[in-house]
Amino acid sequence: MDFFATDWAAMTLNDWIGTIMTVGVFILMVIAYVLILHPKNRDHLEAQRHLVDGPDGEAFSKSEKRDNE
């Protein structure tokens, strides 16, 4: 099991920065999964599907382009 051993005292500043960033990104990815990508939150996410495009979605932007031509 010496393969997984870490000499914490020998770690340089770059090693610490990389370790902290890796752990931080992992935690953010878990939070993103729980809040956004988890299947139980699908209905809540789908309810906001047309929040930016409006209720007509892409049909609105296509008709707007035809009017400008």
C-alpha atoms as a PDB file:
ATOM      1  CA  MET A   1       0.000   0.000   0.000  1.00  0.00           C
ATOM      2  CA  ASP A   2       2.994   2.336  -0.245  1.00  0.00           C
ATOM      3  CA  PHE A   3       1.747   3.217  -3.701  1.00  0.00           C
ATOM      4  CA  PHE A   4      -1.080   5.302  -2.218  1.00  0.00           C
ATOM      5  CA  ALA A   5       1.050   6.880   0.527  1.00  0.00           C
ATOM      6  CA  THR A   6       1.596  10.651   0.363  1.00  0.00           C
ATOM      7  CA  ASP A   7       4.455  12.585   1.881  1.00  0.00           C
ATOM      8  CA  TRP A   8       2.468  15.657   2.905  1.00  0.00           C
ATOM      9  CA  ALA A   9       5.543  17.481   4.201  1.00  0.00           C
ATOM     10  CA  ALA A  10       7.319  17.183   0.843  1.00  0.00           C
ATOM     11  CA  MET A  11       4.475  18.755  -1.153  1.00  0.00           C
ATOM     12  CA  THR A  12       5.350  22.045  -2.858  1.00  0.00           C
ATOM     13  CA  LEU A  13       3.095  25.068  -3.247  1.00  0.00           C
ATOM     14  CA  ASN A  14       2.083  23.911  -6.739  1.00  0.00           C
ATOM     15  CA  ASP A  15       1.188  20.480  -5.356  1.00  0.00           C
ATOM     16  CA  TRP A  16      -1.053  22.066  -2.715  1.00  0.00           C
ATOM     17  CA  ILE A  17      -2.713  24.371  -5.238  1.00  0.00           C
ATOM     18  CA  GLY A  18      -3.398  21.429  -7.549  1.00  0.00           C
ATOM     19  CA  THR A  19      -4.756  19.293  -4.721  1.00  0.00           C
ATOM     20  CA  ILE A  20      -7.041  22.049  -3.433  1.00  0.00           C
ATOM     21  CA  MET A  21      -8.297  22.861  -6.943  1.00  0.00           C
ATOM     22  CA  THR A  22      -8.980  19.195  -7.696  1.00  0.00           C
ATOM     23  CA  VAL A  23     -10.925  18.687  -4.473  1.00  0.00           C
ATOM     24  CA  GLY A  24     -12.782  21.985  -5.027  1.00  0.00           C
ATOM     25  CA  VAL A  25     -13.824  21.074  -8.574  1.00  0.00           C
ATOM     26  CA  PHE A  26     -14.938  17.644  -7.381  1.00  0.00           C
ATOM     27  CA  ILE A  27     -17.144  19.224  -4.708  1.00  0.00           C
ATOM     28  CA  LEU A  28     -18.604  21.702  -7.238  1.00  0.00           C
ATOM     29  CA  MET A  29     -19.364  18.847  -9.650  1.00  0.00           C
ATOM     30  CA  VAL A  30     -21.199  16.934  -6.913  1.00  0.00           C
ATOM     31  CA  ILE A  31     -23.205  20.068  -6.056  1.00  0.00           C
ATOM     32  CA  ALA A  32     -24.023  20.615  -9.750  1.00  0.00           C
ATOM     33  CA  TYR A  33     -25.203  17.013 -10.061  1.00  0.00           C
ATOM     34  CA  VAL A  34     -27.401  17.225  -6.986  1.00  0.00           C
ATOM     35  CA  LEU A  35     -28.954  20.579  -7.898  1.00  0.00           C
ATOM     36  CA  ILE A  36     -29.231  20.297 -11.681  1.00  0.00           C
ATOM     37  CA  LEU A  37     -28.604  16.883 -13.144  1.00  0.00           C
ATOM     38  CA  HIS A  38     -30.188  14.601 -10.552  1.00  0.00           C
ATOM     39  CA  PRO A  39     -33.211  12.812 -12.066  1.00  0.00           C
ATOM     40  CA  LYS A  40     -35.568  13.794  -9.237  1.00  0.00           C
ATOM     41  CA  ASN A  41     -35.065  17.477 -10.155  1.00  0.00           C
ATOM     42  CA  ARG A  42     -35.982  16.909 -13.804  1.00  0.00           C
ATOM     43  CA  ASP A  43     -39.539  18.246 -13.513  1.00  0.00           C
ATOM     44  CA  HIS A  44     -38.350  21.436 -11.832  1.00  0.00           C
ATOM     45  CA  LEU A  45     -35.685  21.936 -14.508  1.00  0.00           C
ATOM     46  CA  GLU A  46     -38.086  21.191 -17.387  1.00  0.00           C
ATOM     47  CA  ALA A  47     -40.556  23.750 -15.977  1.00  0.00           C
ATOM     48  CA  GLN A  48     -37.939  26.444 -16.655  1.00  0.00           C
ATOM     49  CA  ARG A  49     -37.206  25.227 -20.186  1.00  0.00           C
ATOM     50  CA  HIS A  50     -38.594  28.293 -21.976  1.00  0.00           C
ATOM     51  CA  LEU A  51     -37.505  30.844 -19.408  1.00  0.00           C
ATOM     52  CA  VAL A  52     -35.127  32.579 -21.828  1.00  0.00           C
ATOM     53  CA  ASP A  53     -36.949  31.984 -25.133  1.00  0.00           C
ATOM     54  CA  GLY A  54     -40.447  32.675 -23.818  1.00  0.00           C
ATOM     55  CA  PRO A  55     -43.395  30.308 -24.131  1.00  0.00           C
ATOM     56  CA  ASP A  56     -43.018  30.008 -27.933  1.00  0.00           C
ATOM     57  CA  GLY A  57     -39.389  28.901 -27.750  1.00  0.00           C
ATOM     58  CA  GLU A  58     -37.600  28.741 -31.087  1.00  0.00           C
ATOM     59  CA  ALA A  59     -40.765  29.469 -33.045  1.00  0.00           C
ATOM     60  CA  PHE A  60     -40.648  33.031 -31.694  1.00  0.00           C
ATOM     61  CA  SER A  61     -37.080  33.631 -32.830  1.00  0.00           C
ATOM     62  CA  LYS A  62     -37.754  32.102 -36.277  1.00  0.00           C
ATOM     63  CA  SER A  63     -40.784  34.334 -36.874  1.00  0.00           C
ATOM     64  CA  GLU A  64     -38.807  37.349 -35.719  1.00  0.00           C
ATOM     65  CA  LYS A  65     -36.074  36.603 -38.263  1.00  0.00           C
ATOM     66  CA  ARG A  66     -38.660  36.314 -41.069  1.00  0.00           C
ATOM     67  CA  ASP A  67     -40.135  39.694 -40.116  1.00  0.00           C
ATOM     68  CA  ASN A  68     -36.704  41.365 -40.342  1.00  0.00           C
ATOM     69  CA  GLU A  69     -35.978  40.051 -43.848  1.00  0.00           C
END
